[in-house]
Amino acid sequence: MEDFSELIEKALLAMTWVEIGAVVATFIYVILAAKENIWCWFFGIIGATLWAYAAYKFFDLYIDALLQLYYVFVSIYGWYEWTKGGKENKELEISELTTKEHLKLIAGGIVLTLITGYFFGKYTAAASTYLDAFTTVFSIITTYLVTRKILGNWLYWVVIDTVYVYLYFSREGYLFALLNIVFVIISIIGYFNWRRKMNEVPN
């Protein structure tokens, strides 16, 4: 049986320019977002467009492909919100939701996951429908939290990207699985970086 390093090597050799572009642009997006740099949204648009094609064409993850198209539009919205979404149309500041608000989001996300997973499992040939639905639904919710600079978004990403590691590994998308391992690490760093910045803002 091939070890993981050999699988990664084969995946690298078999990569198309679409996959390479998606990986590079998305990696830059996450790094910049963790640094609260507004240029993250520019790379988010590029990465999401390419990733949508790869998810649909190469991995049969139809729900994830739709999610990436959503990212294109939300990146434009995020760019606007970060510059004009704060008080008096000024730069938006980092904030946090209450525990009750987080619980409501999680409960709603679980319900939507079950509905979406059932629909795609019954009416399409999509793979791993419920896991794909989970990552899609919660990624939509969490990306909106990013556009509003909600601190807790990074903790959501830790869970989502961990599931993505398994999801893409199971579909032999080894490089995307490896990328999501990196995203888990960056999300942890992003959380502490944003929390530090939020605490530095004077009341």
N, C-alpha and C. Protein backbone atom coordinates (compact mmCIF):
# COMPACT_ATOMS: atom_id res chain seq x y z
N MET A 1 0.85 -1.20 0.00
CA MET A 1 0.00 0.00 0.00
C MET A 1 0.88 1.26 0.00
N GLU A 2 0.54 2.23 -0.81
CA GLU A 2 1.31 3.45 -0.90
C GLU A 2 1.18 4.28 0.38
N ASP A 3 2.29 4.91 0.81
CA ASP A 3 2.19 5.76 1.97
C ASP A 3 1.70 7.14 1.53
N PHE A 4 1.43 7.98 2.53
CA PHE A 4 0.82 9.28 2.25
C PHE A 4 1.71 10.15 1.37
N SER A 5 3.01 10.12 1.60
CA SER A 5 3.93 10.95 0.82
C SER A 5 3.90 10.59 -0.65
N GLU A 6 3.77 9.29 -0.95
CA GLU A 6 3.70 8.86 -2.34
C GLU A 6 2.39 9.30 -2.99
N LEU A 7 1.32 9.27 -2.21
CA LEU A 7 0.02 9.72 -2.73
C LEU A 7 0.06 11.21 -3.04
N ILE A 8 0.69 12.00 -2.15
CA ILE A 8 0.82 13.44 -2.38
C ILE A 8 1.66 13.71 -3.61
N GLU A 9 2.75 12.95 -3.77
CA GLU A 9 3.62 13.13 -4.93
C GLU A 9 2.87 12.86 -6.23
N LYS A 10 2.08 11.80 -6.24
CA LYS A 10 1.29 11.48 -7.43
C LYS A 10 0.25 12.57 -7.70
N ALA A 11 -0.37 13.08 -6.63
CA ALA A 11 -1.38 14.14 -6.79
C ALA A 11 -0.75 15.39 -7.36
N LEU A 12 0.47 15.72 -6.90
CA LEU A 12 1.16 16.90 -7.41
C LEU A 12 1.47 16.76 -8.89
N LEU A 13 1.91 15.57 -9.30
CA LEU A 13 2.27 15.33 -10.69
C LEU A 13 1.04 15.36 -11.60
N ALA A 14 -0.12 14.98 -11.03
CA ALA A 14 -1.34 14.91 -11.83
C ALA A 14 -2.15 16.20 -11.82
N MET A 15 -1.68 17.21 -11.09
CA MET A 15 -2.45 18.44 -10.95
C MET A 15 -2.58 19.20 -12.25
N THR A 16 -3.75 19.78 -12.46
CA THR A 16 -3.97 20.68 -13.59
C THR A 16 -3.70 22.11 -13.14
N TRP A 17 -3.64 23.02 -14.11
CA TRP A 17 -3.42 24.43 -13.76
C TRP A 17 -4.59 24.97 -12.95
N VAL A 18 -5.79 24.39 -13.14
CA VAL A 18 -6.96 24.84 -12.39
C VAL A 18 -6.77 24.54 -10.91
N GLU A 19 -6.35 23.32 -10.59
CA GLU A 19 -6.13 22.94 -9.20
C GLU A 19 -5.01 23.76 -8.57
N ILE A 20 -3.92 23.95 -9.31
CA ILE A 20 -2.80 24.73 -8.80
C ILE A 20 -3.24 26.16 -8.49
N GLY A 21 -3.97 26.76 -9.43
CA GLY A 21 -4.45 28.13 -9.23
C GLY A 21 -5.39 28.24 -8.05
N ALA A 22 -6.29 27.25 -7.91
CA ALA A 22 -7.24 27.26 -6.80
C ALA A 22 -6.53 27.15 -5.46
N VAL A 23 -5.56 26.26 -5.40
CA VAL A 23 -4.81 26.05 -4.16
C VAL A 23 -4.03 27.31 -3.77
N VAL A 24 -3.30 27.87 -4.72
CA VAL A 24 -2.46 29.04 -4.43
C VAL A 24 -3.31 30.25 -4.03
N ALA A 25 -4.35 30.55 -4.82
CA ALA A 25 -5.19 31.72 -4.54
C ALA A 25 -5.93 31.58 -3.21
N THR A 26 -6.44 30.37 -2.94
CA THR A 26 -7.17 30.15 -1.70
C THR A 26 -6.25 30.23 -0.49
N PHE A 27 -5.03 29.72 -0.65
CA PHE A 27 -4.05 29.80 0.43
C PHE A 27 -3.73 31.25 0.76
N ILE A 28 -3.53 32.06 -0.28
CA ILE A 28 -3.24 33.48 -0.07
C ILE A 28 -4.43 34.17 0.61
N TYR A 29 -5.65 33.81 0.18
CA TYR A 29 -6.86 34.38 0.78
C TYR A 29 -6.90 34.14 2.29
N VAL A 30 -6.67 32.90 2.70
CA VAL A 30 -6.77 32.56 4.12
C VAL A 30 -5.69 33.27 4.93
N ILE A 31 -4.47 33.32 4.39
CA ILE A 31 -3.38 34.01 5.07
C ILE A 31 -3.72 35.49 5.29
N LEU A 32 -4.20 36.14 4.23
CA LEU A 32 -4.53 37.56 4.33
C LEU A 32 -5.72 37.81 5.25
N ALA A 33 -6.71 36.90 5.21
CA ALA A 33 -7.86 37.05 6.10
C ALA A 33 -7.44 36.94 7.56
N ALA A 34 -6.53 36.00 7.85
CA ALA A 34 -6.04 35.83 9.22
C ALA A 34 -5.31 37.09 9.69
N LYS A 35 -4.74 37.84 8.74
CA LYS A 35 -4.04 39.09 9.07
C LYS A 35 -4.97 40.30 9.01
N GLU A 36 -6.26 40.05 8.72
CA GLU A 36 -7.27 41.10 8.59
C GLU A 36 -6.88 42.07 7.46
N ASN A 37 -6.37 41.51 6.37
CA ASN A 37 -5.97 42.31 5.20
C ASN A 37 -7.08 42.25 4.17
N ILE A 38 -7.58 43.40 3.75
CA ILE A 38 -8.74 43.44 2.86
C ILE A 38 -8.50 42.80 1.50
N TRP A 39 -7.23 42.69 1.07
CA TRP A 39 -6.93 42.07 -0.22
C TRP A 39 -7.24 40.57 -0.23
N CYS A 40 -7.60 40.03 0.91
CA CYS A 40 -8.00 38.61 0.95
C CYS A 40 -9.18 38.36 0.02
N TRP A 41 -10.08 39.35 -0.09
CA TRP A 41 -11.29 39.15 -0.89
C TRP A 41 -10.97 39.06 -2.38
N PHE A 42 -9.95 39.75 -2.85
CA PHE A 42 -9.54 39.65 -4.25
C PHE A 42 -9.09 38.23 -4.58
N PHE A 43 -8.25 37.68 -3.73
CA PHE A 43 -7.77 36.31 -3.96
C PHE A 43 -8.88 35.29 -3.69
N GLY A 44 -9.84 35.67 -2.85
CA GLY A 44 -10.98 34.79 -2.61
C GLY A 44 -11.80 34.59 -3.86
N ILE A 45 -11.97 35.64 -4.64
CA ILE A 45 -12.73 35.55 -5.89
C ILE A 45 -12.03 34.61 -6.88
N ILE A 46 -10.73 34.78 -7.02
CA ILE A 46 -9.97 33.93 -7.96
C ILE A 46 -9.98 32.47 -7.51
N GLY A 47 -9.67 32.25 -6.24
CA GLY A 47 -9.60 30.89 -5.73
C GLY A 47 -10.92 30.17 -5.79
N ALA A 48 -12.01 30.86 -5.45
CA ALA A 48 -13.33 30.24 -5.44
C ALA A 48 -13.78 29.85 -6.84
N THR A 49 -13.49 30.69 -7.82
CA THR A 49 -13.87 30.40 -9.20
C THR A 49 -13.19 29.12 -9.69
N LEU A 50 -11.90 29.02 -9.44
CA LEU A 50 -11.15 27.85 -9.89
C LEU A 50 -11.51 26.60 -9.09
N TRP A 51 -11.74 26.78 -7.79
CA TRP A 51 -12.08 25.64 -6.94
C TRP A 51 -13.45 25.08 -7.31
N ALA A 52 -14.38 25.93 -7.69
CA ALA A 52 -15.71 25.48 -8.11
C ALA A 52 -15.61 24.53 -9.29
N TYR A 53 -14.78 24.89 -10.24
CA TYR A 53 -14.59 24.05 -11.43
C TYR A 53 -13.97 22.71 -11.04
N ALA A 54 -12.97 22.75 -10.17
CA ALA A 54 -12.28 21.52 -9.76
C ALA A 54 -13.22 20.60 -8.98
N ALA A 55 -13.99 21.15 -8.05
CA ALA A 55 -14.90 20.35 -7.24
C ALA A 55 -15.94 19.65 -8.10
N TYR A 56 -16.44 20.35 -9.12
CA TYR A 56 -17.45 19.78 -10.01
C TYR A 56 -16.85 18.79 -11.01
N LYS A 57 -15.76 19.19 -11.63
CA LYS A 57 -15.20 18.42 -12.74
C LYS A 57 -14.43 17.19 -12.28
N PHE A 58 -13.66 17.33 -11.21
CA PHE A 58 -12.73 16.27 -10.83
C PHE A 58 -13.19 15.40 -9.66
N PHE A 59 -14.01 15.96 -8.74
CA PHE A 59 -14.32 15.23 -7.51
C PHE A 59 -15.80 14.92 -7.31
N ASP A 60 -16.66 15.35 -8.22
CA ASP A 60 -18.11 15.10 -8.12
C ASP A 60 -18.72 15.64 -6.83
N LEU A 61 -18.14 16.70 -6.29
CA LEU A 61 -18.68 17.34 -5.09
C LEU A 61 -19.51 18.55 -5.54
N TYR A 62 -20.74 18.26 -5.99
CA TYR A 62 -21.56 19.28 -6.62
C TYR A 62 -21.95 20.39 -5.66
N ILE A 63 -22.25 20.00 -4.40
CA ILE A 63 -22.66 21.01 -3.43
C ILE A 63 -21.49 21.95 -3.15
N ASP A 64 -20.30 21.38 -3.04
CA ASP A 64 -19.14 22.22 -2.79
C ASP A 64 -18.87 23.15 -3.96
N ALA A 65 -19.13 22.68 -5.17
CA ALA A 65 -18.96 23.53 -6.35
C ALA A 65 -19.89 24.75 -6.28
N LEU A 66 -21.13 24.52 -5.86
CA LEU A 66 -22.08 25.62 -5.69
C LEU A 66 -21.61 26.57 -4.59
N LEU A 67 -21.04 26.00 -3.54
CA LEU A 67 -20.52 26.81 -2.45
C LEU A 67 -19.44 27.77 -2.94
N GLN A 68 -18.57 27.29 -3.80
CA GLN A 68 -17.48 28.13 -4.30
C GLN A 68 -18.02 29.30 -5.12
N LEU A 69 -19.10 29.06 -5.87
CA LEU A 69 -19.72 30.16 -6.61
C LEU A 69 -20.30 31.19 -5.66
N TYR A 70 -20.83 30.73 -4.56
CA TYR A 70 -21.32 31.64 -3.51
C TYR A 70 -20.16 32.50 -3.00
N TYR A 71 -18.99 31.87 -2.83
CA TYR A 71 -17.82 32.60 -2.34
C TYR A 71 -17.45 33.77 -3.25
N VAL A 72 -17.64 33.59 -4.55
CA VAL A 72 -17.30 34.66 -5.49
C VAL A 72 -18.10 35.91 -5.16
N PHE A 73 -19.40 35.72 -4.97
CA PHE A 73 -20.28 36.87 -4.72
C PHE A 73 -20.09 37.42 -3.30
N VAL A 74 -19.87 36.53 -2.34
CA VAL A 74 -19.71 37.01 -0.97
C VAL A 74 -18.37 37.72 -0.80
N SER A 75 -17.40 37.40 -1.63
CA SER A 75 -16.11 38.10 -1.56
C SER A 75 -16.27 39.57 -1.95
N ILE A 76 -17.12 39.80 -2.93
CA ILE A 76 -17.40 41.19 -3.33
C ILE A 76 -18.11 41.92 -2.18
N TYR A 77 -19.07 41.23 -1.56
CA TYR A 77 -19.79 41.80 -0.42
C TYR A 77 -18.85 42.04 0.76
N GLY A 78 -17.96 41.07 1.00
CA GLY A 78 -17.01 41.19 2.10
C GLY A 78 -16.09 42.38 1.94
N TRP A 79 -15.64 42.59 0.71
CA TRP A 79 -14.77 43.74 0.43
C TRP A 79 -15.46 45.05 0.82
N TYR A 80 -16.74 45.15 0.43
CA TYR A 80 -17.52 46.36 0.76
C TYR A 80 -17.71 46.49 2.27
N GLU A 81 -18.08 45.40 2.92
CA GLU A 81 -18.37 45.45 4.35
C GLU A 81 -17.13 45.84 5.16
N TRP A 82 -15.98 45.32 4.78
CA TRP A 82 -14.77 45.63 5.55
C TRP A 82 -14.37 47.10 5.43
N THR A 83 -14.77 47.73 4.35
CA THR A 83 -14.41 49.14 4.15
C THR A 83 -15.52 50.09 4.59
N LYS A 84 -16.78 49.68 4.43
CA LYS A 84 -17.90 50.58 4.69
C LYS A 84 -18.91 50.06 5.71
N GLY A 85 -18.64 48.88 6.29
CA GLY A 85 -19.65 48.25 7.16
C GLY A 85 -19.63 48.67 8.60
N GLY A 86 -18.66 49.50 8.98
CA GLY A 86 -18.58 49.95 10.37
C GLY A 86 -19.44 51.17 10.64
N LYS A 87 -19.25 51.76 11.81
CA LYS A 87 -20.03 52.94 12.18
C LYS A 87 -19.69 54.10 11.25
N GLU A 88 -20.73 54.81 10.85
CA GLU A 88 -20.59 55.97 9.96
C GLU A 88 -19.87 55.61 8.66
N ASN A 89 -20.18 54.42 8.16
CA ASN A 89 -19.61 53.94 6.90
C ASN A 89 -18.08 53.89 6.90
N LYS A 90 -17.52 53.62 8.07
CA LYS A 90 -16.07 53.51 8.18
C LYS A 90 -15.67 52.04 8.26
N GLU A 91 -14.36 51.80 8.40
CA GLU A 91 -13.83 50.43 8.44
C GLU A 91 -14.49 49.63 9.56
N LEU A 92 -14.87 48.40 9.24
CA LEU A 92 -15.54 47.52 10.19
C LEU A 92 -14.54 47.01 11.23
N GLU A 93 -14.97 46.96 12.50
CA GLU A 93 -14.11 46.47 13.57
C GLU A 93 -14.49 45.04 13.94
N ILE A 94 -13.54 44.29 14.49
CA ILE A 94 -13.78 42.92 14.93
C ILE A 94 -14.71 42.92 16.14
N SER A 95 -15.69 42.00 16.14
CA SER A 95 -16.62 41.88 17.26
C SER A 95 -16.93 40.39 17.48
N GLU A 96 -17.78 40.09 18.44
CA GLU A 96 -18.12 38.70 18.73
C GLU A 96 -19.61 38.56 19.02
N LEU A 97 -20.16 37.39 18.71
CA LEU A 97 -21.56 37.09 19.00
C LEU A 97 -21.68 36.55 20.42
N THR A 98 -22.91 36.55 20.93
CA THR A 98 -23.16 35.94 22.23
C THR A 98 -23.26 34.42 22.06
N THR A 99 -23.16 33.70 23.17
CA THR A 99 -23.29 32.24 23.13
C THR A 99 -24.65 31.84 22.56
N LYS A 100 -25.69 32.55 22.93
CA LYS A 100 -27.04 32.25 22.44
C LYS A 100 -27.11 32.42 20.93
N GLU A 101 -26.48 33.45 20.40
CA GLU A 101 -26.49 33.69 18.95
C GLU A 101 -25.72 32.58 18.22
N HIS A 102 -24.62 32.12 18.80
CA HIS A 102 -23.87 31.02 18.19
C HIS A 102 -24.70 29.73 18.18
N LEU A 103 -25.40 29.47 19.28
CA LEU A 103 -26.21 28.25 19.36
C LEU A 103 -27.34 28.26 18.33
N LYS A 104 -27.92 29.43 18.10
CA LYS A 104 -28.97 29.55 17.09
C LYS A 104 -28.41 29.26 15.69
N LEU A 105 -27.22 29.79 15.41
CA LEU A 105 -26.59 29.54 14.11
C LEU A 105 -26.29 28.06 13.91
N ILE A 106 -25.78 27.42 14.95
CA ILE A 106 -25.44 26.00 14.87
C ILE A 106 -26.68 25.15 14.66
N ALA A 107 -27.73 25.44 15.42
CA ALA A 107 -28.98 24.68 15.29
C ALA A 107 -29.57 24.83 13.89
N GLY A 108 -29.61 26.06 13.40
CA GLY A 108 -30.13 26.30 12.05
C GLY A 108 -29.28 25.62 11.00
N GLY A 109 -27.96 25.63 11.20
CA GLY A 109 -27.06 24.99 10.26
C GLY A 109 -27.25 23.49 10.19
N ILE A 110 -27.50 22.86 11.33
CA ILE A 110 -27.73 21.41 11.37
C ILE A 110 -29.00 21.04 10.61
N VAL A 111 -30.06 21.82 10.83
CA VAL A 111 -31.32 21.56 10.12
C VAL A 111 -31.13 21.69 8.61
N LEU A 112 -30.46 22.74 8.17
CA LEU A 112 -30.22 22.95 6.74
C LEU A 112 -29.31 21.86 6.16
N THR A 113 -28.37 21.38 6.97
CA THR A 113 -27.48 20.29 6.54
C THR A 113 -28.28 19.04 6.23
N LEU A 114 -29.21 18.68 7.12
CA LEU A 114 -30.03 17.48 6.93
C LEU A 114 -30.91 17.60 5.69
N ILE A 115 -31.50 18.77 5.49
CA ILE A 115 -32.37 18.99 4.33
C ILE A 115 -31.56 18.94 3.04
N THR A 116 -30.44 19.65 3.01
CA THR A 116 -29.61 19.71 1.81
C THR A 116 -29.01 18.35 1.49
N GLY A 117 -28.52 17.64 2.51
CA GLY A 117 -27.95 16.32 2.30
C GLY A 117 -28.95 15.34 1.74
N TYR A 118 -30.18 15.39 2.26
CA TYR A 118 -31.24 14.50 1.77
C TYR A 118 -31.57 14.79 0.31
N PHE A 119 -31.70 16.08 -0.02
CA PHE A 119 -32.06 16.47 -1.38
C PHE A 119 -31.01 16.01 -2.39
N PHE A 120 -29.74 16.30 -2.12
CA PHE A 120 -28.68 15.94 -3.07
C PHE A 120 -28.45 14.44 -3.10
N GLY A 121 -28.71 13.74 -1.99
CA GLY A 121 -28.57 12.29 -1.98
C GLY A 121 -29.65 11.61 -2.79
N LYS A 122 -30.84 12.20 -2.81
CA LYS A 122 -31.97 11.59 -3.50
C LYS A 122 -32.03 11.93 -4.98
N TYR A 123 -31.62 13.15 -5.33
CA TYR A 123 -31.85 13.63 -6.70
C TYR A 123 -30.59 13.84 -7.54
N THR A 124 -29.41 13.63 -6.97
CA THR A 124 -28.19 13.80 -7.76
C THR A 124 -27.24 12.62 -7.52
N ALA A 125 -26.16 12.59 -8.29
CA ALA A 125 -25.13 11.55 -8.14
C ALA A 125 -23.97 12.05 -7.29
N ALA A 126 -24.19 13.09 -6.53
CA ALA A 126 -23.13 13.68 -5.72
C ALA A 126 -22.60 12.69 -4.69
N ALA A 127 -21.32 12.81 -4.36
CA ALA A 127 -20.68 11.92 -3.39
C ALA A 127 -20.75 12.53 -1.99
N SER A 128 -20.77 11.65 -0.96
CA SER A 128 -20.70 12.09 0.45
C SER A 128 -21.67 13.24 0.73
N THR A 129 -22.93 13.02 0.42
CA THR A 129 -23.89 14.12 0.41
C THR A 129 -24.04 14.84 1.76
N TYR A 130 -24.11 14.09 2.86
CA TYR A 130 -24.35 14.76 4.14
C TYR A 130 -23.12 15.50 4.65
N LEU A 131 -21.93 14.92 4.46
CA LEU A 131 -20.71 15.63 4.83
C LEU A 131 -20.50 16.84 3.93
N ASP A 132 -20.78 16.67 2.65
CA ASP A 132 -20.66 17.77 1.70
C ASP A 132 -21.65 18.87 2.06
N ALA A 133 -22.86 18.46 2.45
CA ALA A 133 -23.88 19.43 2.86
C ALA A 133 -23.46 20.16 4.13
N PHE A 134 -22.88 19.43 5.07
CA PHE A 134 -22.43 20.04 6.32
C PHE A 134 -21.39 21.13 6.07
N THR A 135 -20.36 20.79 5.29
CA THR A 135 -19.31 21.77 5.02
C THR A 135 -19.84 22.95 4.22
N THR A 136 -20.79 22.67 3.33
CA THR A 136 -21.35 23.74 2.51
C THR A 136 -22.19 24.70 3.33
N VAL A 137 -23.14 24.16 4.09
CA VAL A 137 -24.04 25.00 4.89
C VAL A 137 -23.26 25.84 5.90
N PHE A 138 -22.36 25.19 6.62
CA PHE A 138 -21.63 25.93 7.65
C PHE A 138 -20.57 26.85 7.06
N SER A 139 -20.08 26.53 5.87
CA SER A 139 -19.16 27.46 5.21
C SER A 139 -19.89 28.73 4.78
N ILE A 140 -21.13 28.59 4.33
CA ILE A 140 -21.93 29.76 3.97
C ILE A 140 -22.15 30.64 5.19
N ILE A 141 -22.54 30.00 6.30
CA ILE A 141 -22.76 30.75 7.54
C ILE A 141 -21.47 31.42 8.00
N THR A 142 -20.38 30.65 7.97
CA THR A 142 -19.12 31.15 8.51
C THR A 142 -18.51 32.24 7.64
N THR A 143 -18.65 32.12 6.33
CA THR A 143 -18.13 33.15 5.45
C THR A 143 -18.85 34.48 5.68
N TYR A 144 -20.14 34.41 5.96
CA TYR A 144 -20.87 35.64 6.31
C TYR A 144 -20.30 36.24 7.60
N LEU A 145 -19.96 35.37 8.56
CA LEU A 145 -19.36 35.86 9.80
C LEU A 145 -18.02 36.56 9.53
N VAL A 146 -17.28 36.04 8.54
CA VAL A 146 -16.02 36.68 8.16
C VAL A 146 -16.28 38.08 7.60
N THR A 147 -17.31 38.20 6.75
CA THR A 147 -17.61 39.51 6.15
C THR A 147 -17.97 40.53 7.22
N ARG A 148 -18.52 40.06 8.35
CA ARG A 148 -18.89 40.96 9.44
C ARG A 148 -17.81 41.04 10.51
N LYS A 149 -16.67 40.40 10.26
CA LYS A 149 -15.53 40.37 11.19
C LYS A 149 -15.94 39.86 12.57
N ILE A 150 -16.67 38.74 12.58
CA ILE A 150 -17.04 38.10 13.84
C ILE A 150 -15.91 37.15 14.26
N LEU A 151 -15.35 37.35 15.42
CA LEU A 151 -14.18 36.59 15.89
C LEU A 151 -14.38 35.08 15.81
N GLY A 152 -15.54 34.60 16.24
CA GLY A 152 -15.78 33.17 16.31
C GLY A 152 -15.75 32.44 14.99
N ASN A 153 -15.70 33.16 13.88
CA ASN A 153 -15.67 32.50 12.57
C ASN A 153 -14.50 31.52 12.47
N TRP A 154 -13.37 31.87 13.11
CA TRP A 154 -12.19 31.02 12.99
C TRP A 154 -12.38 29.68 13.68
N LEU A 155 -13.15 29.63 14.75
CA LEU A 155 -13.42 28.36 15.42
C LEU A 155 -14.33 27.48 14.56
N TYR A 156 -15.27 28.10 13.86
CA TYR A 156 -16.11 27.36 12.92
C TYR A 156 -15.25 26.75 11.83
N TRP A 157 -14.28 27.56 11.31
CA TRP A 157 -13.43 27.06 10.22
C TRP A 157 -12.57 25.88 10.66
N VAL A 158 -12.16 25.85 11.92
CA VAL A 158 -11.37 24.72 12.40
C VAL A 158 -12.16 23.42 12.22
N VAL A 159 -13.42 23.45 12.60
CA VAL A 159 -14.27 22.26 12.47
C VAL A 159 -14.54 21.94 11.00
N ILE A 160 -14.93 22.95 10.23
CA ILE A 160 -15.27 22.76 8.82
C ILE A 160 -14.08 22.20 8.04
N ASP A 161 -12.91 22.80 8.21
CA ASP A 161 -11.74 22.36 7.44
C ASP A 161 -11.27 20.98 7.86
N THR A 162 -11.51 20.60 9.12
CA THR A 162 -11.19 19.24 9.56
C THR A 162 -12.05 18.22 8.81
N VAL A 163 -13.33 18.54 8.66
CA VAL A 163 -14.22 17.67 7.90
C VAL A 163 -13.80 17.62 6.43
N TYR A 164 -13.38 18.78 5.89
CA TYR A 164 -12.91 18.82 4.50
C TYR A 164 -11.69 17.93 4.29
N VAL A 165 -10.83 17.83 5.28
CA VAL A 165 -9.66 16.95 5.17
C VAL A 165 -10.11 15.53 4.86
N TYR A 166 -11.06 15.04 5.65
CA TYR A 166 -11.58 13.69 5.41
C TYR A 166 -12.31 13.60 4.08
N LEU A 167 -13.12 14.60 3.77
CA LEU A 167 -13.95 14.58 2.57
C LEU A 167 -13.11 14.48 1.31
N TYR A 168 -12.10 15.33 1.18
CA TYR A 168 -11.27 15.30 -0.02
C TYR A 168 -10.31 14.12 -0.03
N PHE A 169 -9.86 13.68 1.14
CA PHE A 169 -9.01 12.50 1.19
C PHE A 169 -9.79 11.27 0.71
N SER A 170 -11.06 11.18 1.10
CA SER A 170 -11.89 10.04 0.69
C SER A 170 -12.18 10.04 -0.80
N ARG A 171 -12.08 11.22 -1.45
CA ARG A 171 -12.29 11.34 -2.89
C ARG A 171 -10.96 11.38 -3.66
N GLU A 172 -9.88 11.05 -2.96
CA GLU A 172 -8.52 11.04 -3.53
C GLU A 172 -8.07 12.43 -3.98
N GLY A 173 -8.62 13.44 -3.37
CA GLY A 173 -8.15 14.80 -3.61
C GLY A 173 -7.11 15.15 -2.55
N TYR A 174 -5.97 14.45 -2.63
CA TYR A 174 -4.99 14.49 -1.54
C TYR A 174 -4.39 15.87 -1.31
N LEU A 175 -4.16 16.60 -2.39
CA LEU A 175 -3.57 17.93 -2.21
C LEU A 175 -4.55 18.88 -1.55
N PHE A 176 -5.84 18.81 -1.94
CA PHE A 176 -6.85 19.64 -1.30
C PHE A 176 -7.01 19.24 0.17
N ALA A 177 -6.88 17.94 0.46
CA ALA A 177 -6.94 17.49 1.85
C ALA A 177 -5.78 18.06 2.65
N LEU A 178 -4.58 18.02 2.07
CA LEU A 178 -3.41 18.58 2.73
C LEU A 178 -3.56 20.09 2.93
N LEU A 179 -4.12 20.77 1.94
CA LEU A 179 -4.34 22.21 2.04
C LEU A 179 -5.26 22.53 3.20
N ASN A 180 -6.28 21.71 3.40
CA ASN A 180 -7.22 21.98 4.50
C ASN A 180 -6.61 21.70 5.86
N ILE A 181 -5.61 20.82 5.93
CA ILE A 181 -4.87 20.66 7.18
C ILE A 181 -4.16 21.97 7.52
N VAL A 182 -3.56 22.58 6.49
CA VAL A 182 -2.90 23.87 6.67
C VAL A 182 -3.92 24.93 7.09
N PHE A 183 -5.13 24.87 6.50
CA PHE A 183 -6.18 25.84 6.84
C PHE A 183 -6.58 25.73 8.31
N VAL A 184 -6.60 24.51 8.84
CA VAL A 184 -6.93 24.33 10.26
C VAL A 184 -5.93 25.08 11.13
N ILE A 185 -4.65 24.94 10.79
CA ILE A 185 -3.59 25.61 11.54
C ILE A 185 -3.71 27.13 11.42
N ILE A 186 -3.94 27.61 10.17
CA ILE A 186 -4.08 29.06 9.96
C ILE A 186 -5.30 29.60 10.69
N SER A 187 -6.38 28.82 10.75
CA SER A 187 -7.60 29.27 11.43
C SER A 187 -7.34 29.48 12.92
N ILE A 188 -6.56 28.59 13.50
CA ILE A 188 -6.21 28.73 14.92
C ILE A 188 -5.39 30.01 15.12
N ILE A 189 -4.42 30.23 14.23
CA ILE A 189 -3.60 31.45 14.30
C ILE A 189 -4.48 32.68 14.08
N GLY A 190 -5.40 32.60 13.11
CA GLY A 190 -6.29 33.71 12.81
C GLY A 190 -7.16 34.08 14.00
N TYR A 191 -7.64 33.07 14.71
CA TYR A 191 -8.48 33.33 15.88
C TYR A 191 -7.72 34.15 16.92
N PHE A 192 -6.52 33.73 17.26
CA PHE A 192 -5.75 34.43 18.29
C PHE A 192 -5.30 35.81 17.80
N ASN A 193 -5.02 35.93 16.51
CA ASN A 193 -4.62 37.23 15.96
C ASN A 193 -5.77 38.22 16.01
N TRP A 194 -6.97 37.77 15.60
CA TRP A 194 -8.15 38.65 15.64
C TRP A 194 -8.54 38.99 17.08
N ARG A 195 -8.43 38.01 17.98
CA ARG A 195 -8.79 38.28 19.38
C ARG A 195 -7.86 39.32 19.98
N ARG A 196 -6.56 39.23 19.64
CA ARG A 196 -5.61 40.22 20.12
C ARG A 196 -5.97 41.61 19.60
N LYS A 197 -6.29 41.69 18.30
CA LYS A 197 -6.64 42.98 17.71
C LYS A 197 -7.92 43.54 18.31
N MET A 198 -8.90 42.66 18.55
CA MET A 198 -10.16 43.10 19.13
C MET A 198 -9.95 43.67 20.53
N ASN A 199 -9.08 43.04 21.31
CA ASN A 199 -8.82 43.51 22.66
C ASN A 199 -8.00 44.80 22.69
N GLU A 200 -7.33 45.09 21.58
CA GLU A 200 -6.55 46.32 21.51
C GLU A 200 -7.40 47.54 21.19
N VAL A 201 -8.60 47.32 20.66
CA VAL A 201 -9.47 48.44 20.30
C VAL A 201 -10.03 49.08 21.56
N PRO A 202 -9.84 50.39 21.74
CA PRO A 202 -10.34 51.06 22.95
C PRO A 202 -11.86 51.10 22.98
N ASN A 203 -12.43 50.96 24.14
CA ASN A 203 -13.90 50.99 24.28
C ASN A 203 -14.42 52.42 24.15
